[in-house]
Amino acid sequence: MKPTTCFAPAHILLPSEQVPLEQWGCIACDQFTSDRSYWQRAEETAAGSPSTLNLILPEVYLEDGDADARVEKIHATMQDYAKNVLTRAVDGFIYVERTEQSGRVRQGLVGRVDLEAYSYRRGEKCTVRPSECTVESRIPPRMKVRTGAALETPHIMMLADDPDCTLIEPIAAHKDSLPKVYEGELMLGGGHVAGWAVEDPALIAQIENALTVLGSQEEFDKKYPDATRRDPLTLAVGDGNHSLATAKACWEELKKTLTPEQAENHPARWCLAEVCNVHSPAIEIEPIHRVLFNVDCATVLLSLITWSDSNMAGCCFGGSKKQPFTLAGPHMANVLSFEDPTEPLTVGTIDDFISDYIERHPEAKVDYVHDEPAVRALCKQGAVAFLMPPFAKSDLFRGVVMGGVLPRKTFSMGHAEEKRYYIECRKITE
């Protein structure tokens, strides 16, 4: 049966109750990309037990030259887990509660996103949209993992603009009557997580009705009366933009080999994800900082001033101008700001500079880190960082609605350890 909304119930697979959650759940593949020690500790933690760590390719290893061998092993592990490990299933949604470091509880619903309702290409009319620019060079390595894969496991988090709390919160009110399908601690400081099966047809219908209203033209016009783009928006990608883009790219390639009838209900048409309410107090939107490697701090500062003069951006010391930020190196940290920035957001102006700098200094490398203590630690090791100012939650949906996307890696939802962990699985082959 064809789903009626862009986010639908799914046949969700879970491991046997005997598999420890702390070993099974694993952080997203694009975290700790400059910290091999984290992934070594993860391997040690997962050792001796089935783990979603064995179903992913951490991006820290992408330049090691053994990606093909790793992918082959991942695909074999998927086949094994599908037969011998994933022995439980939920037909519907999973209601999730994740306890954050602050003690607040983040609520979400895991289901499947219709890739036919989504595009990562800017300007296309669709009800599911990215929140940031997609870097298409990041898609092919991930496609190698998904192409030919028997399973998917999601770290994607979608956001609904639901100020009246119609979608997720009513399900939370019923959780005591729902079967709990997992609960426990996540590895390496990931905190506590619990999930409940939502299989009651009445609750599923309630979720679908709420989504229909949220995605209606009437509701959209009420929220965004000044929007120049009038296409209704149901969901925006909060985290995992490139993973969802990869699923879309794989689906478009596969679809070429299918008849229209086959494409209508092929499992690869959908992608598993968790939806959260952007208005939840537990949803924290934090800036992602820029870290440069193989550079000298004084040279970067001089280049920044030169670039600013050339672009009339008005960079000066102190945070009194329109776009303040901090430039930090091994032995210094200075607050600066732009008076006449080149982009609407600080992160965009900084990205303009970094792009120009790397073009002139190809030995320089950039990474995107959202945890400030981690950034400071990298600076002590010789890196140079641009620390971004706070990112306003209200800017996210409005930025997507008002005709475009935000600069890549503009924001992060919570600390690295609070990212969605891989837990649930779904078959994507027939």
Protein backbone atom coordinates (compact mmCIF):
# COMPACT_ATOMS: atom_id res chain seq x y z
CA MET A 1 0.00 0.00 0.00
CA LYS A 2 1.31 3.43 -0.95
CA PRO A 3 1.88 5.75 2.06
CA THR A 4 -0.26 8.86 2.19
CA THR A 5 2.44 11.22 3.53
CA CYS A 6 6.15 11.93 2.96
CA PHE A 7 6.96 10.28 6.31
CA ALA A 8 5.41 6.88 6.73
CA PRO A 9 5.31 3.77 8.95
CA ALA A 10 7.98 1.19 8.19
CA HIS A 11 9.00 -2.41 8.79
CA ILE A 12 11.76 -1.62 11.28
CA LEU A 13 14.27 -4.30 12.28
CA LEU A 14 15.92 -4.60 15.68
CA PRO A 15 18.50 -7.00 17.11
CA SER A 16 17.67 -9.69 19.62
CA GLU A 17 17.10 -8.48 23.18
CA GLN A 18 20.27 -10.37 24.13
CA VAL A 19 22.44 -7.94 22.15
CA PRO A 20 23.65 -5.18 24.55
CA LEU A 21 22.52 -1.72 23.42
CA GLU A 22 25.83 -0.18 24.51
CA GLN A 23 27.64 -2.37 22.00
CA TRP A 24 24.98 -2.35 19.29
CA GLY A 25 24.37 1.42 18.92
CA CYS A 26 27.08 3.49 17.25
CA ILE A 27 27.57 7.21 16.58
CA ALA A 28 27.21 8.70 13.07
CA CYS A 29 29.94 7.94 10.53
CA ASP A 30 30.70 11.64 9.96
CA GLN A 31 31.56 12.39 13.60
CA PHE A 32 35.08 12.62 15.05
CA THR A 33 36.57 12.75 11.55
CA SER A 34 39.86 14.06 12.97
CA ASP A 35 39.95 11.71 15.97
CA ARG A 36 40.95 8.14 15.14
CA SER A 37 41.25 7.34 18.82
CA TYR A 38 37.49 7.69 19.22
CA TRP A 39 36.84 5.05 16.57
CA GLN A 40 39.49 2.77 18.03
CA ARG A 41 37.74 2.99 21.40
CA ALA A 42 34.42 2.29 19.65
CA GLU A 43 35.87 -0.87 18.11
CA GLU A 44 37.12 -1.96 21.53
CA THR A 45 33.69 -1.30 23.07
CA ALA A 46 31.83 -3.23 20.35
CA ALA A 47 34.26 -6.16 20.28
CA GLY A 48 32.64 -9.56 20.73
CA SER A 49 29.08 -8.41 19.99
CA PRO A 50 27.00 -7.54 16.94
CA SER A 51 27.19 -3.78 16.39
CA THR A 52 26.00 -1.17 13.90
CA LEU A 53 29.67 -0.10 13.87
CA ASN A 54 30.16 -3.05 11.52
CA LEU A 55 27.48 -1.71 9.15
CA ILE A 56 29.06 1.69 8.48
CA LEU A 57 32.25 3.21 7.09
CA PRO A 58 33.51 5.91 9.48
CA GLU A 59 34.69 8.84 7.38
CA VAL A 60 37.92 9.06 9.38
CA TYR A 61 39.07 6.05 7.32
CA LEU A 62 38.09 7.34 3.86
CA GLU A 63 41.65 8.28 2.87
CA ASP A 64 43.24 5.01 4.03
CA GLY A 65 43.00 3.37 0.61
CA ASP A 66 41.09 0.30 1.79
CA ALA A 67 37.53 1.59 1.34
CA ASP A 68 36.55 -1.10 -1.19
CA ALA A 69 37.60 -3.90 1.16
CA ARG A 70 35.77 -2.24 4.03
CA VAL A 71 32.60 -1.88 1.96
CA GLU A 72 32.75 -5.54 0.90
CA LYS A 73 33.00 -6.55 4.55
CA ILE A 74 30.11 -4.23 5.49
CA HIS A 75 27.85 -5.79 2.86
CA ALA A 76 28.70 -9.31 4.04
CA THR A 77 27.97 -8.30 7.64
CA MET A 78 24.61 -6.89 6.59
CA GLN A 79 23.64 -10.20 5.04
CA ASP A 80 24.68 -12.01 8.21
CA TYR A 81 22.84 -9.63 10.54
CA ALA A 82 19.68 -9.74 8.39
CA LYS A 83 19.56 -13.52 8.85
CA ASN A 84 20.93 -14.03 12.33
CA VAL A 85 20.87 -10.84 14.42
CA LEU A 86 17.88 -8.68 13.44
CA THR A 87 15.27 -11.03 14.86
CA ARG A 88 12.68 -8.47 16.00
CA ALA A 89 10.50 -6.12 13.96
CA VAL A 90 8.19 -3.14 14.47
CA ASP A 91 5.53 -2.45 11.85
CA GLY A 92 4.81 1.23 12.28
CA PHE A 93 6.91 3.90 13.98
CA ILE A 94 9.26 3.87 16.95
CA TYR A 95 8.81 6.63 19.51
CA VAL A 96 12.25 7.56 20.87
CA GLU A 97 13.39 9.40 23.97
CA ARG A 98 17.03 10.44 24.15
CA THR A 99 18.33 11.94 27.40
CA GLU A 100 20.83 14.71 26.64
CA GLN A 101 23.79 15.86 28.71
CA SER A 102 21.66 18.71 30.03
CA GLY A 103 19.12 16.21 31.39
CA ARG A 104 16.49 17.27 28.88
CA VAL A 105 14.72 14.53 26.95
CA ARG A 106 14.61 14.77 23.15
CA GLN A 107 11.51 13.12 21.66
CA GLY A 108 11.30 11.72 18.15
CA LEU A 109 9.55 9.33 15.79
CA VAL A 110 11.46 6.86 13.60
CA GLY A 111 9.83 6.05 10.27
CA ARG A 112 10.64 6.19 6.55
CA VAL A 113 10.99 9.28 4.40
CA ASP A 114 9.71 9.13 0.83
CA LEU A 115 12.68 9.99 -1.40
CA GLU A 116 10.26 10.97 -4.16
CA ALA A 117 9.17 13.86 -1.92
CA TYR A 118 12.76 15.05 -1.40
CA SER A 119 15.55 16.62 -3.42
CA TYR A 120 18.95 17.92 -2.40
CA ARG A 121 19.12 20.16 -5.46
CA ARG A 122 18.44 23.79 -4.62
CA GLY A 123 15.21 25.29 -5.85
CA GLU A 124 13.26 22.11 -6.55
CA LYS A 125 9.66 21.96 -5.37
CA CYS A 126 9.38 19.25 -2.75
CA THR A 127 7.86 18.76 0.69
CA VAL A 128 11.12 17.48 2.25
CA ARG A 129 14.11 19.80 1.88
CA PRO A 130 17.73 20.00 2.95
CA SER A 131 18.74 22.64 5.44
CA GLU A 132 22.22 23.15 4.02
CA CYS A 133 24.09 23.08 0.74
CA THR A 134 24.93 19.56 -0.33
CA VAL A 135 28.57 18.95 -1.21
CA GLU A 136 28.14 16.43 -3.99
CA SER A 137 31.73 15.16 -3.66
CA ARG A 138 30.70 13.68 -0.29
CA ILE A 139 28.03 11.51 -1.89
CA PRO A 140 30.04 8.93 -3.94
CA PRO A 141 31.94 7.39 -0.96
CA ARG A 142 28.63 6.89 0.83
CA MET A 143 27.01 5.55 -2.31
CA LYS A 144 29.58 2.75 -2.33
CA VAL A 145 28.22 1.62 1.03
CA ARG A 146 24.52 1.94 0.14
CA THR A 147 24.72 0.55 -3.40
CA GLY A 148 24.24 -3.18 -3.13
CA ALA A 149 23.56 -2.98 0.60
CA ALA A 150 20.91 -5.24 2.09
CA LEU A 151 20.21 -2.90 5.01
CA GLU A 152 20.17 0.71 6.05
CA THR A 153 20.56 2.14 9.53
CA PRO A 154 19.82 5.82 10.10
CA HIS A 155 21.50 8.72 11.84
CA ILE A 156 19.30 11.20 9.92
CA MET A 157 17.22 13.58 12.01
CA MET A 158 14.40 15.48 10.36
CA LEU A 159 12.70 18.55 11.81
CA ALA A 160 9.04 19.49 11.78
CA ASP A 161 7.91 23.08 12.33
CA ASP A 162 5.17 22.12 14.78
CA PRO A 163 4.62 24.92 17.33
CA ASP A 164 1.29 23.41 18.46
CA CYS A 165 2.95 20.04 19.21
CA THR A 166 0.52 17.96 17.16
CA LEU A 167 2.85 15.28 15.79
CA ILE A 168 5.18 13.75 18.38
CA GLU A 169 4.02 14.97 21.76
CA PRO A 170 0.59 13.23 21.61
CA ILE A 171 2.39 9.91 21.03
CA ALA A 172 4.59 10.60 24.05
CA ALA A 173 1.46 10.91 26.16
CA HIS A 174 0.63 7.27 25.25
CA LYS A 175 4.07 5.79 25.86
CA ASP A 176 3.07 3.94 29.03
CA SER A 177 0.68 1.83 26.97
CA LEU A 178 3.22 1.11 24.21
CA PRO A 179 5.59 -1.89 24.10
CA LYS A 180 9.16 -0.82 24.93
CA VAL A 181 11.56 -2.26 22.33
CA TYR A 182 14.89 -1.00 23.67
CA GLU A 183 16.39 0.99 26.53
CA GLY A 184 19.90 1.52 27.84
CA GLU A 185 23.12 3.46 27.70
CA LEU A 186 24.94 4.23 24.45
CA MET A 187 28.65 3.70 23.99
CA LEU A 188 31.37 6.20 24.88
CA GLY A 189 29.27 8.78 26.68
CA GLY A 190 26.31 8.71 24.30
CA GLY A 191 23.87 8.81 27.22
CA HIS A 192 20.50 7.13 27.69
CA VAL A 193 18.01 6.17 24.98
CA ALA A 194 14.69 4.32 24.95
CA GLY A 195 12.29 3.33 22.19
CA TRP A 196 8.64 2.21 22.08
CA ALA A 197 6.77 0.51 19.24
CA VAL A 198 3.92 2.53 17.71
CA GLU A 199 1.86 -0.07 15.84
CA ASP A 200 -1.71 0.85 16.86
CA PRO A 201 -3.58 1.81 13.65
CA ALA A 202 -5.33 4.68 15.46
CA LEU A 203 -2.01 6.21 16.57
CA ILE A 204 -0.51 5.71 13.13
CA ALA A 205 -3.51 7.46 11.57
CA GLN A 206 -3.10 10.27 14.11
CA ILE A 207 0.53 10.74 13.07
CA GLU A 208 -0.36 10.75 9.37
CA ASN A 209 -3.18 13.26 9.91
CA ALA A 210 -0.86 15.60 11.81
CA LEU A 211 1.70 15.38 8.98
CA THR A 212 -0.98 16.13 6.40
CA VAL A 213 -1.97 19.32 8.24
CA LEU A 214 1.66 20.39 8.77
CA GLY A 215 2.32 19.97 5.05
CA SER A 216 -0.82 21.76 3.87
CA GLN A 217 -0.78 24.98 1.88
CA GLU A 218 -3.05 26.62 4.45
CA GLU A 219 -0.71 25.88 7.35
CA PHE A 220 2.35 26.95 5.37
CA ASP A 221 0.83 30.30 4.36
CA LYS A 222 -0.17 30.94 7.98
CA LYS A 223 3.39 30.35 9.24
CA TYR A 224 5.22 32.14 6.45
CA PRO A 225 3.00 34.93 5.07
CA ASP A 226 6.04 36.77 3.73
CA ALA A 227 7.54 33.77 1.91
CA THR A 228 8.33 34.47 -1.73
CA ARG A 229 8.35 30.73 -2.35
CA ARG A 230 4.87 29.32 -1.85
CA ASP A 231 5.56 25.61 -2.02
CA PRO A 232 4.55 23.95 1.26
CA LEU A 233 7.32 22.46 3.38
CA THR A 234 6.61 19.49 5.68
CA LEU A 235 10.05 18.43 6.91
CA ALA A 236 13.56 19.90 6.85
CA VAL A 237 16.72 17.89 7.35
CA GLY A 238 18.22 18.79 10.72
CA ASP A 239 21.14 16.36 10.68
CA GLY A 240 22.36 13.83 8.15
CA ASN A 241 21.89 15.97 5.03
CA HIS A 242 24.49 14.00 3.09
CA SER A 243 23.19 10.63 4.18
CA LEU A 244 19.72 11.47 2.90
CA ALA A 245 21.23 12.89 -0.29
CA THR A 246 23.12 9.62 -0.75
CA ALA A 247 19.92 7.61 -0.37
CA LYS A 248 18.29 9.86 -2.98
CA ALA A 249 21.20 9.51 -5.42
CA CYS A 250 21.16 5.72 -5.05
CA TRP A 251 17.40 5.63 -5.56
CA GLU A 252 17.61 7.72 -8.74
CA GLU A 253 20.20 5.31 -10.18
CA LEU A 254 18.19 2.23 -9.19
CA LYS A 255 14.93 3.71 -10.47
CA LYS A 256 16.37 3.76 -14.01
CA THR A 257 16.35 -0.05 -13.96
CA LEU A 258 12.76 -0.43 -12.71
CA THR A 259 9.34 -0.27 -14.30
CA PRO A 260 6.95 2.40 -12.91
CA GLU A 261 5.06 -0.37 -11.14
CA GLN A 262 8.26 -1.71 -9.52
CA ALA A 263 9.37 1.79 -8.48
CA GLU A 264 6.06 2.49 -6.78
CA ASN A 265 6.77 0.22 -3.82
CA HIS A 266 10.45 -0.66 -4.00
CA PRO A 267 11.97 -0.54 -0.49
CA ALA A 268 14.88 1.66 -1.66
CA ARG A 269 12.38 4.43 -2.45
CA TRP A 270 12.34 5.25 1.25
CA CYS A 271 14.99 6.06 3.83
CA LEU A 272 14.73 5.47 7.57
CA ALA A 273 14.98 8.62 9.70
CA GLU A 274 13.90 10.18 12.99
CA VAL A 275 11.60 13.23 13.03
CA CYS A 276 11.76 15.75 15.89
CA ASN A 277 9.88 18.98 16.61
CA VAL A 278 12.17 21.97 16.13
CA HIS A 279 10.19 23.79 18.84
CA SER A 280 11.06 21.22 21.50
CA PRO A 281 13.12 22.72 24.35
CA ALA A 282 15.41 19.71 23.99
CA ILE A 283 16.38 20.62 20.42
CA GLU A 284 19.51 22.71 20.62
CA ILE A 285 20.93 24.30 17.50
CA GLU A 286 24.64 24.97 17.91
CA PRO A 287 27.14 26.53 15.53
CA ILE A 288 29.73 24.42 13.73
CA HIS A 289 33.22 25.87 13.90
CA ARG A 290 35.86 25.84 11.14
CA VAL A 291 39.30 24.35 11.89
CA LEU A 292 42.28 24.76 9.56
CA PHE A 293 45.24 22.35 9.57
CA ASN A 294 48.76 22.71 8.11
CA VAL A 295 48.60 26.49 8.52
CA ASP A 296 50.27 29.25 10.52
CA CYS A 297 48.03 31.44 12.65
CA ALA A 298 49.80 34.72 11.83
CA THR A 299 49.65 33.91 8.11
CA VAL A 300 45.91 33.14 8.34
CA LEU A 301 45.25 36.42 10.17
CA LEU A 302 47.22 38.45 7.64
CA SER A 303 45.46 36.65 4.76
CA LEU A 304 42.08 37.31 6.37
CA ILE A 305 42.76 41.05 6.61
CA THR A 306 44.03 41.13 3.01
CA TRP A 307 40.98 39.19 1.79
CA SER A 308 38.65 41.46 3.77
CA ASP A 309 40.23 44.57 2.24
CA SER A 310 39.89 43.11 -1.26
CA ASN A 311 36.22 42.28 -0.68
CA MET A 312 35.46 45.41 1.38
CA ALA A 313 34.19 43.20 4.20
CA GLY A 314 35.44 45.55 6.93
CA CYS A 315 37.17 43.01 9.16
CA CYS A 316 38.39 44.58 12.40
CA PHE A 317 39.40 43.62 15.93
CA GLY A 318 36.60 43.49 18.50
CA GLY A 319 33.09 42.10 18.32
CA SER A 320 31.14 45.30 17.83
CA LYS A 321 30.36 44.95 14.12
CA LYS A 322 27.65 42.93 12.32
CA GLN A 323 29.32 39.52 12.28
CA PRO A 324 31.57 38.70 15.26
CA PHE A 325 33.73 35.56 15.52
CA THR A 326 36.88 34.34 17.27
CA LEU A 327 40.12 33.44 15.51
CA ALA A 328 42.07 31.02 17.69
CA GLY A 329 45.48 29.45 17.28
CA PRO A 330 48.04 27.60 19.41
CA HIS A 331 49.09 30.72 21.32
CA MET A 332 46.39 33.33 20.77
CA ALA A 333 42.68 33.98 20.41
CA ASN A 334 41.23 37.21 19.09
CA VAL A 335 37.64 38.40 18.72
CA LEU A 336 37.07 39.98 15.31
CA SER A 337 34.03 41.05 13.31
CA PHE A 338 32.94 42.04 9.82
CA GLU A 339 31.31 45.42 9.24
CA ASP A 340 30.26 44.77 5.63
CA PRO A 341 30.10 40.96 5.34
CA THR A 342 29.96 39.14 2.02
CA GLU A 343 27.17 36.79 3.18
CA PRO A 344 24.05 37.11 5.41
CA LEU A 345 25.47 34.78 8.11
CA THR A 346 28.91 34.90 9.73
CA VAL A 347 29.57 31.32 8.75
CA GLY A 348 28.97 32.19 5.08
CA THR A 349 31.45 35.07 5.14
CA ILE A 350 34.07 32.90 6.86
CA ASP A 351 33.48 30.14 4.30
CA ASP A 352 34.08 32.66 1.51
CA PHE A 353 37.45 33.47 3.06
CA ILE A 354 38.41 29.85 3.72
CA SER A 355 37.56 28.86 0.14
CA ASP A 356 39.83 31.63 -1.16
CA TYR A 357 42.59 30.74 1.32
CA ILE A 358 42.65 27.03 0.45
CA GLU A 359 42.74 27.86 -3.24
CA ARG A 360 45.89 29.92 -2.56
CA HIS A 361 47.32 27.44 -0.01
CA PRO A 362 46.48 23.91 -1.22
CA GLU A 363 48.43 22.36 1.66
CA ALA A 364 45.76 23.67 4.07
CA LYS A 365 42.92 21.38 5.12
CA VAL A 366 39.61 22.31 6.74
CA ASP A 367 37.43 20.34 9.14
CA TYR A 368 34.08 21.15 10.72
CA VAL A 369 33.83 20.68 14.48
CA HIS A 370 30.91 21.76 16.61
CA ASP A 371 32.25 21.03 20.09
CA GLU A 372 34.17 24.10 21.30
CA PRO A 373 36.41 22.25 23.82
CA ALA A 374 37.40 19.88 20.99
CA VAL A 375 38.22 22.89 18.81
CA ARG A 376 40.36 24.43 21.56
CA ALA A 377 42.21 21.12 21.99
CA LEU A 378 42.98 20.99 18.25
CA CYS A 379 44.30 24.56 18.44
CA LYS A 380 46.73 23.55 21.18
CA GLN A 381 48.00 20.87 18.78
CA GLY A 382 48.74 23.50 16.12
CA ALA A 383 45.45 24.04 14.30
CA VAL A 384 43.83 27.43 13.64
CA ALA A 385 40.10 27.80 14.23
CA PHE A 386 37.26 30.16 13.43
CA LEU A 387 34.81 29.95 16.33
CA MET A 388 31.31 30.88 15.20
CA PRO A 389 28.73 32.89 17.18
CA PRO A 390 25.52 31.21 18.44
CA PHE A 391 23.03 30.11 15.76
CA ALA A 392 19.40 31.12 16.30
CA LYS A 393 16.96 28.22 16.07
CA SER A 394 14.42 30.44 14.35
CA ASP A 395 16.86 31.01 11.48
CA LEU A 396 16.75 27.36 10.42
CA PHE A 397 13.25 26.87 9.01
CA ARG A 398 12.97 30.44 7.88
CA GLY A 399 16.28 30.14 6.05
CA VAL A 400 15.06 27.05 4.22
CA VAL A 401 11.62 28.50 3.48
CA MET A 402 12.78 31.84 2.20
CA GLY A 403 14.15 30.41 -0.94
CA GLY A 404 17.30 28.57 -0.28
CA VAL A 405 19.58 26.61 1.97
CA LEU A 406 22.07 27.55 4.64
CA PRO A 407 25.83 27.30 4.09
CA ARG A 408 27.07 23.73 4.57
CA LYS A 409 27.85 22.74 8.13
CA THR A 410 26.18 25.88 9.53
CA PHE A 411 24.75 24.27 12.62
CA SER A 412 24.73 21.12 14.67
CA MET A 413 21.96 19.65 16.75
CA GLY A 414 23.55 19.11 20.16
CA HIS A 415 26.98 17.82 21.12
CA ALA A 416 28.76 15.17 19.07
CA GLU A 417 27.84 12.45 21.58
CA GLU A 418 24.19 13.55 21.39
CA LYS A 419 23.92 12.85 17.69
CA ARG A 420 21.48 10.15 16.63
CA TYR A 421 23.12 6.73 17.03
CA TYR A 422 22.56 3.92 14.57
CA ILE A 423 20.09 1.54 16.25
CA GLU A 424 17.17 0.65 13.97
CA CYS A 425 17.60 -1.11 10.61
CA ARG A 426 15.46 -1.64 7.50
CA LYS A 427 15.81 -3.81 4.41
CA ILE A 428 16.34 -1.81 1.21
CA THR A 429 16.43 -4.72 -1.23
CA GLU A 430 13.52 -6.84 -2.38
